[in-house]
Structures are given as structure tokens and as C-alpha cells.
């Protein structure tokens, strides 16, 4: 009966969505731009495309003697190509830094998991999900990743009368994970000194700029995302 087939196809779609959500949850807890819902929807769409690709001919009520030639791989192949545009949107480049490659690869992975579940290969789709989670979590320990701190660029305009360096150094030691001087310049006419530093700040820590405002002699404080 067709109801039995309908139920099986719905189960395939649901399994693909659930497995994609597992990958998305791992991305979400690490604060990535594409998280739980994005990965779940990508897997849902991929599983649905695969179900349509492999079974749509059975719902067209063709007669036994009708000559029908169907290439069931075309829709699935288009998903592999199309997911590249969505994954590319998760990749961000700021200066020499590229972010989002792992998230883009994760979207590509959940598309494959969705296609796998949509084709009824449940064991393989679950295995791919487990291997994917293991890759994202276990191998992460071997990378230099720190989700608790973020790179920032701090520009200080010290004016013509620079404040005591000790006060600034003490503030950096208190509020900054790490710091390095990127550049400094002094205007020959006005004698203004401008220093640029590359910092790593704790996530959500805005107390550094407030503290710098209390030091006399600093005329401008600018904190930007690191280029």
C-alpha cells in the first residue's frame, strides 16, 4: 500500500533531519554562525530531495506499459552542487584571517547525511554522523582553538604627552589574555603618539576600554575586530 511507502519516506526525512541537527548542535554550542536550525534544515532539504529523486516516479501513476526513462541521480547530484553556495556563505575573510571553513564543511557533511538517510541507508547515515561528531570534538583538542577569547585590534592615541606606560601595562595584564604591539607612529609636528596593539580579549569583556578612559592623557581609544 502507498501509505506504507509514505510512512517509510517520512521516517527517512525525519532521521536525516535529526542527524543533521546533531551536527548543528555541536556547531551551535561553539557559537558558530550556522548552528542547530541551519544544519537541521540543510539535512531536511537534502533528505527530501533524495526521497523525491528516488521515489517520485512511483507517485506519477504511470501504467505498466508506459515507456518512462528516469535518472534518479540528477536531483541528488544537484544538491551536492547547490550546497556549495550555501556553505560558501558561511566562510568569512577578514584581512589574512579566514573563518567558517569548518562550518562550511559541516554543512556539506549534513547534506551528505541527509542524502544518505533519504536513500534509506540508515546505518550508514548514523555512522557518518558519529564520525562527524567525533571529528569535530576529538580532533578539536589538537587544534589551537580558544572559544573563550577573540582577537581584537586596539588603537590608542596618547597625544603629545604620553601617560605613564606602567598604567597601561597594568591594565593590559588585568584585562587581556595576550597582547602584542602591531605598530606605532609619532607625528613629527604635533608629537602625537599613536600605538596599535593586537589583543585577545575574553568574550564579552568590555571593561578594558572603560578602564583606559580613566587614564589621563589618552585622547582616543578604538577597539576593532582584528584584521
C-alpha atoms as a PDB file:
ATOM      1  CA  UNK A   1       0.000   0.000   0.000  1.00  0.00           C
ATOM      2  CA  UNK A   2       1.104   3.549  -0.694  1.00  0.00           C
ATOM      3  CA  UNK A   3       0.564   4.528   2.961  1.00  0.00           C
ATOM      4  CA  UNK A   4       3.346   2.158   3.955  1.00  0.00           C
ATOM      5  CA  UNK A   5       5.655   3.806   1.433  1.00  0.00           C
ATOM      6  CA  UNK A   6       4.626   7.281   2.594  1.00  0.00           C
ATOM      7  CA  UNK A   7       5.418   6.381   6.199  1.00  0.00           C
ATOM      8  CA  UNK A   8       8.817   4.978   5.245  1.00  0.00           C
ATOM      9  CA  UNK A   9       9.732   8.133   3.293  1.00  0.00           C
ATOM     10  CA  UNK A  10       8.649  10.392   6.140  1.00  0.00           C
ATOM     11  CA  UNK A  11      10.820   8.352   8.521  1.00  0.00           C
ATOM     12  CA  UNK A  12      13.770   8.803   6.163  1.00  0.00           C
ATOM     13  CA  UNK A  13      13.274  12.575   6.143  1.00  0.00           C
ATOM     14  CA  UNK A  14      12.898  12.704   9.933  1.00  0.00           C
ATOM     15  CA  UNK A  15      16.032  10.636  10.515  1.00  0.00           C
ATOM     16  CA  UNK A  16      18.043  12.843   8.161  1.00  0.00           C
ATOM     17  CA  UNK A  17      16.805  15.981   9.930  1.00  0.00           C
ATOM     18  CA  UNK A  18      17.611  14.599  13.384  1.00  0.00           C
ATOM     19  CA  UNK A  19      21.120  13.547  12.391  1.00  0.00           C
ATOM     20  CA  UNK A  20      21.797  16.926  10.809  1.00  0.00           C
ATOM     21  CA  UNK A  21      20.607  18.611  13.998  1.00  0.00           C
ATOM     22  CA  UNK A  22      23.183  16.618  15.977  1.00  0.00           C
ATOM     23  CA  UNK A  23      25.988  18.140  13.898  1.00  0.00           C
ATOM     24  CA  UNK A  24      24.332  21.543  14.154  1.00  0.00           C
ATOM     25  CA  UNK A  25      24.152  21.344  17.934  1.00  0.00           C
ATOM     26  CA  UNK A  26      27.915  20.869  18.128  1.00  0.00           C
ATOM     27  CA  UNK A  27      28.408  23.945  15.941  1.00  0.00           C
ATOM     28  CA  UNK A  28      25.855  25.907  17.957  1.00  0.00           C
ATOM     29  CA  UNK A  29      27.478  25.337  21.355  1.00  0.00           C
ATOM     30  CA  UNK A  30      30.710  26.741  19.915  1.00  0.00           C
ATOM     31  CA  UNK A  31      28.956  29.910  18.775  1.00  0.00           C
ATOM     32  CA  UNK A  32      29.271  29.354  15.041  1.00  0.00           C
ATOM     33  CA  UNK A  33      27.095  31.410  12.639  1.00  0.00           C
ATOM     34  CA  UNK A  34      25.441  28.294  11.181  1.00  0.00           C
ATOM     35  CA  UNK A  35      24.048  26.381  14.127  1.00  0.00           C
ATOM     36  CA  UNK A  36      21.339  23.930  15.083  1.00  0.00           C
ATOM     37  CA  UNK A  37      18.488  25.117  12.861  1.00  0.00           C
ATOM     38  CA  UNK A  38      20.647  25.754   9.792  1.00  0.00           C
ATOM     39  CA  UNK A  39      22.204  22.284   9.837  1.00  0.00           C
ATOM     40  CA  UNK A  40      18.865  20.630  10.570  1.00  0.00           C
ATOM     41  CA  UNK A  41      17.177  22.416   7.662  1.00  0.00           C
ATOM     42  CA  UNK A  42      20.039  21.573   5.285  1.00  0.00           C
ATOM     43  CA  UNK A  43      19.763  17.891   6.237  1.00  0.00           C
ATOM     44  CA  UNK A  44      15.959  18.070   5.978  1.00  0.00           C
ATOM     45  CA  UNK A  45      16.162  19.563   2.490  1.00  0.00           C
ATOM     46  CA  UNK A  46      18.795  17.059   1.375  1.00  0.00           C
ATOM     47  CA  UNK A  47      16.799  14.094   2.661  1.00  0.00           C
ATOM     48  CA  UNK A  48      13.663  15.418   0.984  1.00  0.00           C
ATOM     49  CA  UNK A  49      15.486  15.914  -2.315  1.00  0.00           C
ATOM     50  CA  UNK A  50      16.823  12.370  -2.092  1.00  0.00           C
ATOM     51  CA  UNK A  51      13.380  10.943  -1.364  1.00  0.00           C
ATOM     52  CA  UNK A  52      11.937  12.843  -4.323  1.00  0.00           C
ATOM     53  CA  UNK A  53      14.838  11.774  -6.541  1.00  0.00           C
ATOM     54  CA  UNK A  54      14.499   8.092  -5.738  1.00  0.00           C
ATOM     55  CA  UNK A  55      10.707   7.724  -5.474  1.00  0.00           C
ATOM     56  CA  UNK A  56       8.886  10.460  -7.365  1.00  0.00           C
ATOM     57  CA  UNK A  57       8.289   8.170 -10.357  1.00  0.00           C
ATOM     58  CA  UNK A  58       6.156   5.844  -8.193  1.00  0.00           C
ATOM     59  CA  UNK A  59       3.739   8.682  -7.451  1.00  0.00           C
ATOM     60  CA  UNK A  60       3.065   9.606 -11.077  1.00  0.00           C
ATOM     61  CA  UNK A  61       0.581   6.767 -11.706  1.00  0.00           C
ATOM     62  CA  UNK A  62       2.309   5.539 -14.829  1.00  0.00           C
ATOM     63  CA  UNK A  63       0.786   2.477 -16.433  1.00  0.00           C
ATOM     64  CA  UNK A  64       2.650  -0.806 -16.668  1.00  0.00           C
ATOM     65  CA  UNK A  65       3.305  -0.438 -20.400  1.00  0.00           C
ATOM     66  CA  UNK A  66       4.297   3.245 -20.308  1.00  0.00           C
ATOM     67  CA  UNK A  67       7.831   3.854 -21.511  1.00  0.00           C
ATOM     68  CA  UNK A  68       9.464   6.022 -18.847  1.00  0.00           C
ATOM     69  CA  UNK A  69      13.195   6.657 -18.522  1.00  0.00           C
ATOM     70  CA  UNK A  70      14.168   8.189 -15.159  1.00  0.00           C
ATOM     71  CA  UNK A  71      17.627   9.166 -13.974  1.00  0.00           C
ATOM     72  CA  UNK A  72      17.244   9.138 -10.205  1.00  0.00           C
ATOM     73  CA  UNK A  73      20.703  10.579  -9.580  1.00  0.00           C
ATOM     74  CA  UNK A  74      20.175  14.004 -11.151  1.00  0.00           C
ATOM     75  CA  UNK A  75      18.378  15.682  -8.265  1.00  0.00           C
ATOM     76  CA  UNK A  76      20.799  14.254  -5.711  1.00  0.00           C
ATOM     77  CA  UNK A  77      23.767  15.426  -7.786  1.00  0.00           C
ATOM     78  CA  UNK A  78      22.279  18.929  -7.921  1.00  0.00           C
ATOM     79  CA  UNK A  79      22.142  19.017  -4.115  1.00  0.00           C
ATOM     80  CA  UNK A  80      25.894  18.396  -3.950  1.00  0.00           C
ATOM     81  CA  UNK A  81      26.494  21.326  -6.305  1.00  0.00           C
ATOM     82  CA  UNK A  82      23.945  23.634  -4.724  1.00  0.00           C
ATOM     83  CA  UNK A  83      25.144  23.179  -1.154  1.00  0.00           C
ATOM     84  CA  UNK A  84      28.427  24.802  -2.178  1.00  0.00           C
ATOM     85  CA  UNK A  85      26.738  28.205  -2.476  1.00  0.00           C
ATOM     86  CA  UNK A  86      25.209  27.927   0.982  1.00  0.00           C
ATOM     87  CA  UNK A  87      28.428  26.671   2.548  1.00  0.00           C
ATOM     88  CA  UNK A  88      30.364  29.462   0.843  1.00  0.00           C
ATOM     89  CA  UNK A  89      28.200  32.000   2.655  1.00  0.00           C
ATOM     90  CA  UNK A  90      29.454  30.667   5.993  1.00  0.00           C
ATOM     91  CA  UNK A  91      33.082  31.464   5.121  1.00  0.00           C
ATOM     92  CA  UNK A  92      34.240  34.888   6.274  1.00  0.00           C
ATOM     93  CA  UNK A  93      37.543  36.534   5.400  1.00  0.00           C
ATOM     94  CA  UNK A  94      38.897  39.402   7.449  1.00  0.00           C
ATOM     95  CA  UNK A  95      42.301  40.550   6.302  1.00  0.00           C
ATOM     96  CA  UNK A  96      44.548  37.486   6.356  1.00  0.00           C
ATOM     97  CA  UNK A  97      42.186  35.522   8.622  1.00  0.00           C
ATOM     98  CA  UNK A  98      39.646  33.061   7.206  1.00  0.00           C
ATOM     99  CA  UNK A  99      36.827  31.836   9.427  1.00  0.00           C
ATOM    100  CA  UNK A 100      33.952  29.448   8.848  1.00  0.00           C
ATOM    101  CA  UNK A 101      35.701  26.720   6.867  1.00  0.00           C
ATOM    102  CA  UNK A 102      34.772  24.043   9.403  1.00  0.00           C
ATOM    103  CA  UNK A 103      31.170  25.261   9.492  1.00  0.00           C
ATOM    104  CA  UNK A 104      31.024  25.180   5.686  1.00  0.00           C
ATOM    105  CA  UNK A 105      32.414  21.647   5.712  1.00  0.00           C
ATOM    106  CA  UNK A 106      29.810  20.750   8.349  1.00  0.00           C
ATOM    107  CA  UNK A 107      27.009  21.973   6.077  1.00  0.00           C
ATOM    108  CA  UNK A 108      28.427  19.856   3.278  1.00  0.00           C
ATOM    109  CA  UNK A 109      28.544  16.895   5.656  1.00  0.00           C
ATOM    110  CA  UNK A 110      24.915  17.216   6.781  1.00  0.00           C
ATOM    111  CA  UNK A 111      23.880  17.449   3.135  1.00  0.00           C
ATOM    112  CA  UNK A 112      25.567  14.104   2.567  1.00  0.00           C
ATOM    113  CA  UNK A 113      23.956  12.685   5.724  1.00  0.00           C
ATOM    114  CA  UNK A 114      20.555  13.881   4.532  1.00  0.00           C
ATOM    115  CA  UNK A 115      21.035  12.243   1.139  1.00  0.00           C
ATOM    116  CA  UNK A 116      22.179   9.060   2.860  1.00  0.00           C
ATOM    117  CA  UNK A 117      19.159   8.942   5.161  1.00  0.00           C
ATOM    118  CA  UNK A 118      16.828   9.908   2.325  1.00  0.00           C
ATOM    119  CA  UNK A 119      18.011   6.898   0.333  1.00  0.00           C
ATOM    120  CA  UNK A 120      17.174   4.584   3.248  1.00  0.00           C
ATOM    121  CA  UNK A 121      20.780   3.921   4.288  1.00  0.00           C
ATOM    122  CA  UNK A 122      20.123   4.466   7.987  1.00  0.00           C
ATOM    123  CA  UNK A 123      23.135   2.598   9.353  1.00  0.00           C
ATOM    124  CA  UNK A 124      25.482   4.498   7.062  1.00  0.00           C
ATOM    125  CA  UNK A 125      23.897   7.878   7.873  1.00  0.00           C
ATOM    126  CA  UNK A 126      24.145   7.253  11.628  1.00  0.00           C
ATOM    127  CA  UNK A 127      27.760   6.115  11.223  1.00  0.00           C
ATOM    128  CA  UNK A 128      28.590   9.276   9.241  1.00  0.00           C
ATOM    129  CA  UNK A 129      27.030  11.405  11.983  1.00  0.00           C
ATOM    130  CA  UNK A 130      29.007   9.681  14.737  1.00  0.00           C
ATOM    131  CA  UNK A 131      32.249  10.014  12.782  1.00  0.00           C
ATOM    132  CA  UNK A 132      31.453  13.666  12.055  1.00  0.00           C
ATOM    133  CA  UNK A 133      30.813  14.480  15.717  1.00  0.00           C
ATOM    134  CA  UNK A 134      33.998  12.666  16.675  1.00  0.00           C
ATOM    135  CA  UNK A 135      35.985  14.654  14.123  1.00  0.00           C
ATOM    136  CA  UNK A 136      34.568  17.978  15.325  1.00  0.00           C
ATOM    137  CA  UNK A 137      35.039  17.291  19.033  1.00  0.00           C
ATOM    138  CA  UNK A 138      38.018  14.980  19.458  1.00  0.00           C
ATOM    139  CA  UNK A 139      40.276  16.463  16.787  1.00  0.00           C
ATOM    140  CA  UNK A 140      39.444  19.927  18.071  1.00  0.00           C
ATOM    141  CA  UNK A 141      41.736  19.264  21.028  1.00  0.00           C
ATOM    142  CA  UNK A 142      44.710  19.065  18.677  1.00  0.00           C
ATOM    143  CA  UNK A 143      43.990  22.494  17.183  1.00  0.00           C
ATOM    144  CA  UNK A 144      44.864  25.866  18.652  1.00  0.00           C
ATOM    145  CA  UNK A 145      41.280  26.895  19.361  1.00  0.00           C
ATOM    146  CA  UNK A 146      40.023  29.067  22.198  1.00  0.00           C
ATOM    147  CA  UNK A 147      36.331  29.907  22.033  1.00  0.00           C
ATOM    148  CA  UNK A 148      36.546  31.991  25.210  1.00  0.00           C
ATOM    149  CA  UNK A 149      38.724  34.721  23.697  1.00  0.00           C
ATOM    150  CA  UNK A 150      38.655  36.723  20.483  1.00  0.00           C
ATOM    151  CA  UNK A 151      41.299  38.670  18.578  1.00  0.00           C
ATOM    152  CA  UNK A 152      40.889  42.443  18.662  1.00  0.00           C
ATOM    153  CA  UNK A 153      42.870  45.458  17.463  1.00  0.00           C
ATOM    154  CA  UNK A 154      43.301  48.286  19.958  1.00  0.00           C
ATOM    155  CA  UNK A 155      44.393  51.752  18.822  1.00  0.00           C
ATOM    156  CA  UNK A 156      45.480  54.272  21.470  1.00  0.00           C
ATOM    157  CA  UNK A 157      46.056  57.931  20.700  1.00  0.00           C
ATOM    158  CA  UNK A 158      48.355  59.057  23.509  1.00  0.00           C
ATOM    159  CA  UNK A 159      48.583  62.695  22.477  1.00  0.00           C
ATOM    160  CA  UNK A 160      51.719  64.763  22.802  1.00  0.00           C
ATOM    161  CA  UNK A 161      52.138  63.966  26.481  1.00  0.00           C
ATOM    162  CA  UNK A 162      52.096  60.194  26.786  1.00  0.00           C
ATOM    163  CA  UNK A 163      50.671  58.833  30.055  1.00  0.00           C
ATOM    164  CA  UNK A 164      52.812  56.542  32.199  1.00  0.00           C
ATOM    165  CA  UNK A 165      53.436  53.278  30.364  1.00  0.00           C
ATOM    166  CA  UNK A 166      53.147  51.368  33.637  1.00  0.00           C
ATOM    167  CA  UNK A 167      49.462  52.254  33.982  1.00  0.00           C
ATOM    168  CA  UNK A 168      48.651  50.937  30.509  1.00  0.00           C
ATOM    169  CA  UNK A 169      50.724  47.785  31.023  1.00  0.00           C
ATOM    170  CA  UNK A 170      48.940  47.055  34.312  1.00  0.00           C
ATOM    171  CA  UNK A 171      45.541  47.384  32.617  1.00  0.00           C
ATOM    172  CA  UNK A 172      46.559  45.047  29.816  1.00  0.00           C
ATOM    173  CA  UNK A 173      47.767  42.450  32.295  1.00  0.00           C
ATOM    174  CA  UNK A 174      44.441  42.647  34.120  1.00  0.00           C
ATOM    175  CA  UNK A 175      42.003  42.614  31.198  1.00  0.00           C
ATOM    176  CA  UNK A 176      43.805  40.976  28.260  1.00  0.00           C
ATOM    177  CA  UNK A 177      44.620  37.323  27.572  1.00  0.00           C
ATOM    178  CA  UNK A 178      47.580  38.259  25.361  1.00  0.00           C
ATOM    179  CA  UNK A 179      48.887  41.406  23.680  1.00  0.00           C
ATOM    180  CA  UNK A 180      51.445  42.385  21.059  1.00  0.00           C
ATOM    181  CA  UNK A 181      52.385  45.742  19.554  1.00  0.00           C
ATOM    182  CA  UNK A 182      51.332  45.885  15.907  1.00  0.00           C
ATOM    183  CA  UNK A 183      52.612  49.371  15.047  1.00  0.00           C
ATOM    184  CA  UNK A 184      53.298  52.797  16.473  1.00  0.00           C
ATOM    185  CA  UNK A 185      53.802  56.224  14.964  1.00  0.00           C
ATOM    186  CA  UNK A 186      54.677  59.709  16.185  1.00  0.00           C
ATOM    187  CA  UNK A 187      53.761  62.811  14.225  1.00  0.00           C
ATOM    188  CA  UNK A 188      56.838  64.985  13.701  1.00  0.00           C
ATOM    189  CA  UNK A 189      54.875  68.224  14.028  1.00  0.00           C
ATOM    190  CA  UNK A 190      52.320  67.619  16.753  1.00  0.00           C
ATOM    191  CA  UNK A 191      54.370  64.950  18.557  1.00  0.00           C
ATOM    192  CA  UNK A 192      51.212  62.825  18.933  1.00  0.00           C
ATOM    193  CA  UNK A 193      51.918  59.159  19.586  1.00  0.00           C
ATOM    194  CA  UNK A 194      49.545  56.510  18.197  1.00  0.00           C
ATOM    195  CA  UNK A 195      50.011  52.874  19.184  1.00  0.00           C
ATOM    196  CA  UNK A 196      48.186  49.877  17.658  1.00  0.00           C
ATOM    197  CA  UNK A 197      48.105  46.586  19.564  1.00  0.00           C
ATOM    198  CA  UNK A 198      46.796  43.144  18.695  1.00  0.00           C
ATOM    199  CA  UNK A 199      44.930  41.647  21.654  1.00  0.00           C
ATOM    200  CA  UNK A 200      42.993  38.599  22.688  1.00  0.00           C
ATOM    201  CA  UNK A 201      40.085  39.504  24.938  1.00  0.00           C
ATOM    202  CA  UNK A 202      37.701  37.331  26.884  1.00  0.00           C
ATOM    203  CA  UNK A 203      34.342  37.045  25.147  1.00  0.00           C
ATOM    204  CA  UNK A 204      32.076  39.908  26.138  1.00  0.00           C
ATOM    205  CA  UNK A 205      34.748  41.715  28.179  1.00  0.00           C
ATOM    206  CA  UNK A 206      34.245  45.444  27.515  1.00  0.00           C
ATOM    207  CA  UNK A 207      35.848  46.650  30.725  1.00  0.00           C
ATOM    208  CA  UNK A 208      39.221  47.371  29.089  1.00  0.00           C
ATOM    209  CA  UNK A 209      38.013  50.384  27.125  1.00  0.00           C
ATOM    210  CA  UNK A 210      36.219  51.734  30.182  1.00  0.00           C
ATOM    211  CA  UNK A 211      39.372  51.411  32.252  1.00  0.00           C
ATOM    212  CA  UNK A 212      41.514  53.077  29.574  1.00  0.00           C
ATOM    213  CA  UNK A 213      39.195  56.090  29.595  1.00  0.00           C
ATOM    214  CA  UNK A 214      40.189  56.735  33.208  1.00  0.00           C
ATOM    215  CA  UNK A 215      43.884  57.207  32.370  1.00  0.00           C
ATOM    216  CA  UNK A 216      44.720  60.892  31.833  1.00  0.00           C
ATOM    217  CA  UNK A 217      46.472  61.689  28.564  1.00  0.00           C
ATOM    218  CA  UNK A 218      44.781  59.111  26.337  1.00  0.00           C
ATOM    219  CA  UNK A 219      42.820  61.144  23.804  1.00  0.00           C
ATOM    220  CA  UNK A 220      41.301  58.290  21.790  1.00  0.00           C
ATOM    221  CA  UNK A 221      40.566  54.611  22.340  1.00  0.00           C
ATOM    222  CA  UNK A 222      39.458  52.453  19.394  1.00  0.00           C
ATOM    223  CA  UNK A 223      38.758  48.728  19.659  1.00  0.00           C
ATOM    224  CA  UNK A 224      38.009  46.817  16.440  1.00  0.00           C
ATOM    225  CA  UNK A 225      37.887  43.247  15.237  1.00  0.00           C
ATOM    226  CA  UNK A 226      41.358  42.069  14.290  1.00  0.00           C
ATOM    227  CA  UNK A 227      42.121  42.272  10.575  1.00  0.00           C
END
